Amino acid sequence: MTLKPMADNVLLKQKDAAETTVSGIIIATATKEKPAIYEVVAVGPGTKDTEMLVKTGDKVVVSKQVGTDVTLDKVDYKFVKQDEILAIVE
């Protein structure tokens, strides 16, 4: 089963956080705060008023409170509108 965004929606998958700090300290998975950096999995076609500026594979920053969380095949995704994306990580 696949998810295909409609209109100006973007499907994101959370990037895995680092398991250790720079100094080598291992971070427990349960206490880690989720990063705000996501990978773009799929992009909708846009609308006549909205040109899509992000593409599949881009890494983006979004606020943690935005979007709709979806779980499919035990993988967590987030749907956001393109205008909710704060930045593209280059």
N, C-alpha and C. Protein backbone atom coordinates (compact mmCIF):
# COMPACT_ATOMS: atom_id res chain seq x y z
N MET A 1 0.85 -1.16 0.00
CA MET A 1 0.00 0.00 0.00
C MET A 1 0.90 1.24 0.00
N THR A 2 0.52 2.25 -0.77
CA THR A 2 1.30 3.48 -0.81
C THR A 2 0.40 4.67 -0.53
N LEU A 3 1.02 5.76 -0.12
CA LEU A 3 0.30 7.00 0.14
C LEU A 3 0.70 8.01 -0.93
N LYS A 4 -0.29 8.64 -1.57
CA LYS A 4 -0.03 9.63 -2.61
C LYS A 4 -0.71 10.94 -2.20
N PRO A 5 0.09 11.97 -1.89
CA PRO A 5 -0.48 13.25 -1.46
C PRO A 5 -1.30 13.92 -2.56
N MET A 6 -2.32 14.63 -2.16
CA MET A 6 -3.16 15.37 -3.08
C MET A 6 -2.87 16.87 -2.93
N ALA A 7 -3.18 17.63 -3.97
CA ALA A 7 -3.05 19.09 -3.98
C ALA A 7 -1.66 19.53 -3.53
N ASP A 8 -1.58 20.43 -2.52
CA ASP A 8 -0.28 20.94 -2.08
C ASP A 8 0.20 20.27 -0.79
N ASN A 9 -0.18 19.01 -0.61
CA ASN A 9 0.26 18.24 0.56
C ASN A 9 1.61 17.57 0.27
N VAL A 10 2.38 17.38 1.35
CA VAL A 10 3.69 16.76 1.26
C VAL A 10 3.74 15.64 2.30
N LEU A 11 4.21 14.46 1.90
CA LEU A 11 4.33 13.32 2.81
C LEU A 11 5.77 13.25 3.30
N LEU A 12 5.94 13.26 4.63
CA LEU A 12 7.26 13.29 5.24
C LEU A 12 7.49 12.04 6.08
N LYS A 13 8.77 11.63 6.16
CA LYS A 13 9.17 10.55 7.04
C LYS A 13 10.26 11.09 7.93
N GLN A 14 10.16 10.84 9.21
CA GLN A 14 11.11 11.38 10.17
C GLN A 14 12.48 10.78 9.98
N LYS A 15 13.50 11.63 9.99
CA LYS A 15 14.89 11.17 9.93
C LYS A 15 15.25 10.57 11.28
N ASP A 16 16.03 9.51 11.28
CA ASP A 16 16.47 8.88 12.52
C ASP A 16 17.43 9.80 13.25
N ALA A 17 17.23 9.93 14.53
CA ALA A 17 18.13 10.74 15.36
C ALA A 17 19.41 9.96 15.63
N ALA A 18 20.47 10.66 15.89
CA ALA A 18 21.74 10.00 16.19
C ALA A 18 21.61 9.22 17.49
N GLU A 19 22.19 8.05 17.53
CA GLU A 19 22.10 7.18 18.70
C GLU A 19 23.14 7.54 19.76
N THR A 20 24.20 8.24 19.37
CA THR A 20 25.23 8.63 20.33
C THR A 20 25.57 10.10 20.15
N THR A 21 26.07 10.71 21.22
CA THR A 21 26.51 12.09 21.15
C THR A 21 27.91 12.14 20.56
N VAL A 22 28.42 13.33 20.30
CA VAL A 22 29.76 13.50 19.75
C VAL A 22 30.81 12.89 20.66
N SER A 23 30.59 12.99 21.96
CA SER A 23 31.56 12.43 22.92
C SER A 23 31.40 10.93 23.12
N GLY A 24 30.42 10.30 22.44
CA GLY A 24 30.27 8.86 22.51
C GLY A 24 29.25 8.36 23.51
N ILE A 25 28.49 9.26 24.13
CA ILE A 25 27.46 8.85 25.10
C ILE A 25 26.26 8.31 24.34
N ILE A 26 25.78 7.13 24.72
CA ILE A 26 24.63 6.53 24.06
C ILE A 26 23.36 7.12 24.63
N ILE A 27 22.45 7.53 23.73
CA ILE A 27 21.18 8.14 24.13
C ILE A 27 20.11 7.06 24.12
N ALA A 28 19.35 6.95 25.21
CA ALA A 28 18.26 5.99 25.28
C ALA A 28 17.16 6.41 24.32
N THR A 29 16.61 5.47 23.56
CA THR A 29 15.60 5.75 22.56
C THR A 29 14.35 6.38 23.17
N ALA A 30 13.93 5.92 24.32
CA ALA A 30 12.70 6.41 24.93
C ALA A 30 12.79 7.86 25.38
N THR A 31 13.98 8.35 25.69
CA THR A 31 14.12 9.71 26.20
C THR A 31 14.52 10.71 25.13
N LYS A 32 14.79 10.24 23.92
CA LYS A 32 15.20 11.15 22.85
C LYS A 32 14.03 12.01 22.40
N GLU A 33 14.28 13.28 22.18
CA GLU A 33 13.29 14.15 21.59
C GLU A 33 13.35 13.98 20.08
N LYS A 34 12.20 13.91 19.44
CA LYS A 34 12.18 13.70 18.01
C LYS A 34 12.72 14.94 17.30
N PRO A 35 13.57 14.75 16.30
CA PRO A 35 14.08 15.90 15.57
C PRO A 35 13.00 16.50 14.67
N ALA A 36 13.18 17.73 14.29
CA ALA A 36 12.22 18.41 13.43
C ALA A 36 12.64 18.30 11.97
N ILE A 37 13.63 17.47 11.67
CA ILE A 37 14.08 17.28 10.29
C ILE A 37 13.44 16.02 9.73
N TYR A 38 12.80 16.17 8.59
CA TYR A 38 12.10 15.07 7.93
C TYR A 38 12.60 14.93 6.50
N GLU A 39 12.39 13.75 5.93
CA GLU A 39 12.70 13.51 4.53
C GLU A 39 11.40 13.50 3.74
N VAL A 40 11.38 14.16 2.60
CA VAL A 40 10.19 14.20 1.75
C VAL A 40 10.08 12.87 1.02
N VAL A 41 8.96 12.16 1.25
CA VAL A 41 8.72 10.86 0.64
C VAL A 41 7.92 11.01 -0.65
N ALA A 42 6.94 11.92 -0.66
CA ALA A 42 6.10 12.14 -1.83
C ALA A 42 5.55 13.56 -1.79
N VAL A 43 5.27 14.09 -2.97
CA VAL A 43 4.78 15.46 -3.09
C VAL A 43 3.54 15.46 -3.98
N GLY A 44 2.52 16.19 -3.55
CA GLY A 44 1.32 16.33 -4.37
C GLY A 44 1.61 17.16 -5.61
N PRO A 45 0.66 17.20 -6.55
CA PRO A 45 0.88 17.92 -7.81
C PRO A 45 0.79 19.44 -7.68
N GLY A 46 0.36 19.94 -6.53
CA GLY A 46 0.18 21.37 -6.36
C GLY A 46 -1.22 21.79 -6.80
N THR A 47 -1.46 23.08 -6.79
CA THR A 47 -2.73 23.62 -7.25
C THR A 47 -2.44 24.71 -8.26
N LYS A 48 -3.48 25.29 -8.84
CA LYS A 48 -3.24 26.35 -9.82
C LYS A 48 -2.64 27.58 -9.16
N ASP A 49 -2.81 27.72 -7.85
CA ASP A 49 -2.24 28.85 -7.10
C ASP A 49 -0.94 28.50 -6.39
N THR A 50 -0.60 27.21 -6.29
CA THR A 50 0.57 26.79 -5.52
C THR A 50 1.50 25.92 -6.36
N GLU A 51 2.70 26.42 -6.63
CA GLU A 51 3.73 25.63 -7.31
C GLU A 51 4.51 24.88 -6.24
N MET A 52 4.74 23.61 -6.46
CA MET A 52 5.46 22.80 -5.47
C MET A 52 6.96 23.08 -5.58
N LEU A 53 7.56 23.50 -4.47
CA LEU A 53 8.98 23.86 -4.43
C LEU A 53 9.85 22.76 -3.85
N VAL A 54 9.25 21.80 -3.16
CA VAL A 54 10.01 20.68 -2.60
C VAL A 54 9.86 19.48 -3.52
N LYS A 55 10.82 18.57 -3.44
CA LYS A 55 10.76 17.36 -4.26
C LYS A 55 11.11 16.15 -3.41
N THR A 56 10.79 14.99 -3.89
CA THR A 56 11.09 13.75 -3.19
C THR A 56 12.58 13.66 -2.92
N GLY A 57 12.92 13.30 -1.68
CA GLY A 57 14.32 13.18 -1.28
C GLY A 57 14.86 14.39 -0.55
N ASP A 58 14.18 15.55 -0.66
CA ASP A 58 14.62 16.74 0.07
C ASP A 58 14.52 16.48 1.57
N LYS A 59 15.39 17.14 2.32
CA LYS A 59 15.31 17.12 3.78
C LYS A 59 14.79 18.48 4.20
N VAL A 60 13.74 18.49 5.02
CA VAL A 60 13.07 19.73 5.38
C VAL A 60 12.91 19.85 6.89
N VAL A 61 12.69 21.08 7.34
CA VAL A 61 12.43 21.37 8.75
C VAL A 61 10.99 21.82 8.88
N VAL A 62 10.26 21.22 9.82
CA VAL A 62 8.89 21.63 10.12
C VAL A 62 8.72 21.74 11.63
N SER A 63 7.74 22.51 12.05
CA SER A 63 7.40 22.59 13.47
C SER A 63 6.84 21.25 13.92
N LYS A 64 7.06 20.91 15.17
CA LYS A 64 6.61 19.61 15.67
C LYS A 64 5.09 19.54 15.83
N GLN A 65 4.43 20.69 15.91
CA GLN A 65 2.99 20.70 16.16
C GLN A 65 2.15 20.65 14.89
N VAL A 66 2.75 20.76 13.70
CA VAL A 66 1.96 20.83 12.47
C VAL A 66 1.78 19.45 11.86
N GLY A 67 0.85 19.37 10.95
CA GLY A 67 0.66 18.16 10.16
C GLY A 67 -0.24 17.12 10.80
N THR A 68 -0.44 16.07 10.03
CA THR A 68 -1.25 14.93 10.45
C THR A 68 -0.38 13.69 10.45
N ASP A 69 -0.29 13.02 11.58
CA ASP A 69 0.53 11.82 11.70
C ASP A 69 -0.26 10.61 11.20
N VAL A 70 0.42 9.76 10.41
CA VAL A 70 -0.18 8.56 9.84
C VAL A 70 0.83 7.43 9.99
N THR A 71 0.33 6.23 10.36
CA THR A 71 1.19 5.04 10.43
C THR A 71 0.70 4.05 9.39
N LEU A 72 1.62 3.61 8.53
CA LEU A 72 1.29 2.63 7.50
C LEU A 72 2.40 1.59 7.47
N ASP A 73 2.05 0.33 7.58
CA ASP A 73 3.02 -0.77 7.60
C ASP A 73 4.09 -0.54 8.67
N LYS A 74 3.68 -0.10 9.84
CA LYS A 74 4.54 0.13 11.01
C LYS A 74 5.58 1.23 10.79
N VAL A 75 5.35 2.11 9.81
CA VAL A 75 6.23 3.25 9.56
C VAL A 75 5.42 4.51 9.81
N ASP A 76 6.00 5.46 10.57
CA ASP A 76 5.32 6.71 10.88
C ASP A 76 5.61 7.76 9.82
N TYR A 77 4.55 8.40 9.34
CA TYR A 77 4.65 9.47 8.35
C TYR A 77 3.93 10.70 8.88
N LYS A 78 4.16 11.82 8.23
CA LYS A 78 3.47 13.05 8.58
C LYS A 78 3.07 13.75 7.27
N PHE A 79 1.79 14.13 7.17
CA PHE A 79 1.30 14.94 6.07
C PHE A 79 1.33 16.40 6.49
N VAL A 80 1.92 17.28 5.67
CA VAL A 80 1.90 18.72 5.93
C VAL A 80 1.58 19.44 4.63
N LYS A 81 1.08 20.65 4.75
CA LYS A 81 0.93 21.53 3.60
C LYS A 81 2.30 22.10 3.29
N GLN A 82 2.56 22.40 2.03
CA GLN A 82 3.88 22.93 1.67
C GLN A 82 4.19 24.23 2.43
N ASP A 83 3.19 25.05 2.67
CA ASP A 83 3.46 26.32 3.38
C ASP A 83 3.76 26.14 4.86
N GLU A 84 3.64 24.92 5.39
CA GLU A 84 4.01 24.62 6.78
C GLU A 84 5.49 24.23 6.90
N ILE A 85 6.16 24.03 5.77
CA ILE A 85 7.58 23.69 5.77
C ILE A 85 8.38 24.96 6.00
N LEU A 86 9.26 24.93 7.00
CA LEU A 86 10.02 26.12 7.38
C LEU A 86 11.27 26.31 6.52
N ALA A 87 11.94 25.21 6.15
CA ALA A 87 13.18 25.32 5.39
C ALA A 87 13.52 24.00 4.74
N ILE A 88 14.33 24.09 3.67
CA ILE A 88 14.92 22.92 3.04
C ILE A 88 16.36 22.85 3.50
N VAL A 89 16.78 21.70 3.99
CA VAL A 89 18.16 21.52 4.47
C VAL A 89 19.05 21.19 3.28
N GLU A 90 20.08 22.00 3.07
CA GLU A 90 21.01 21.77 1.95
C GLU A 90 22.34 21.31 2.45
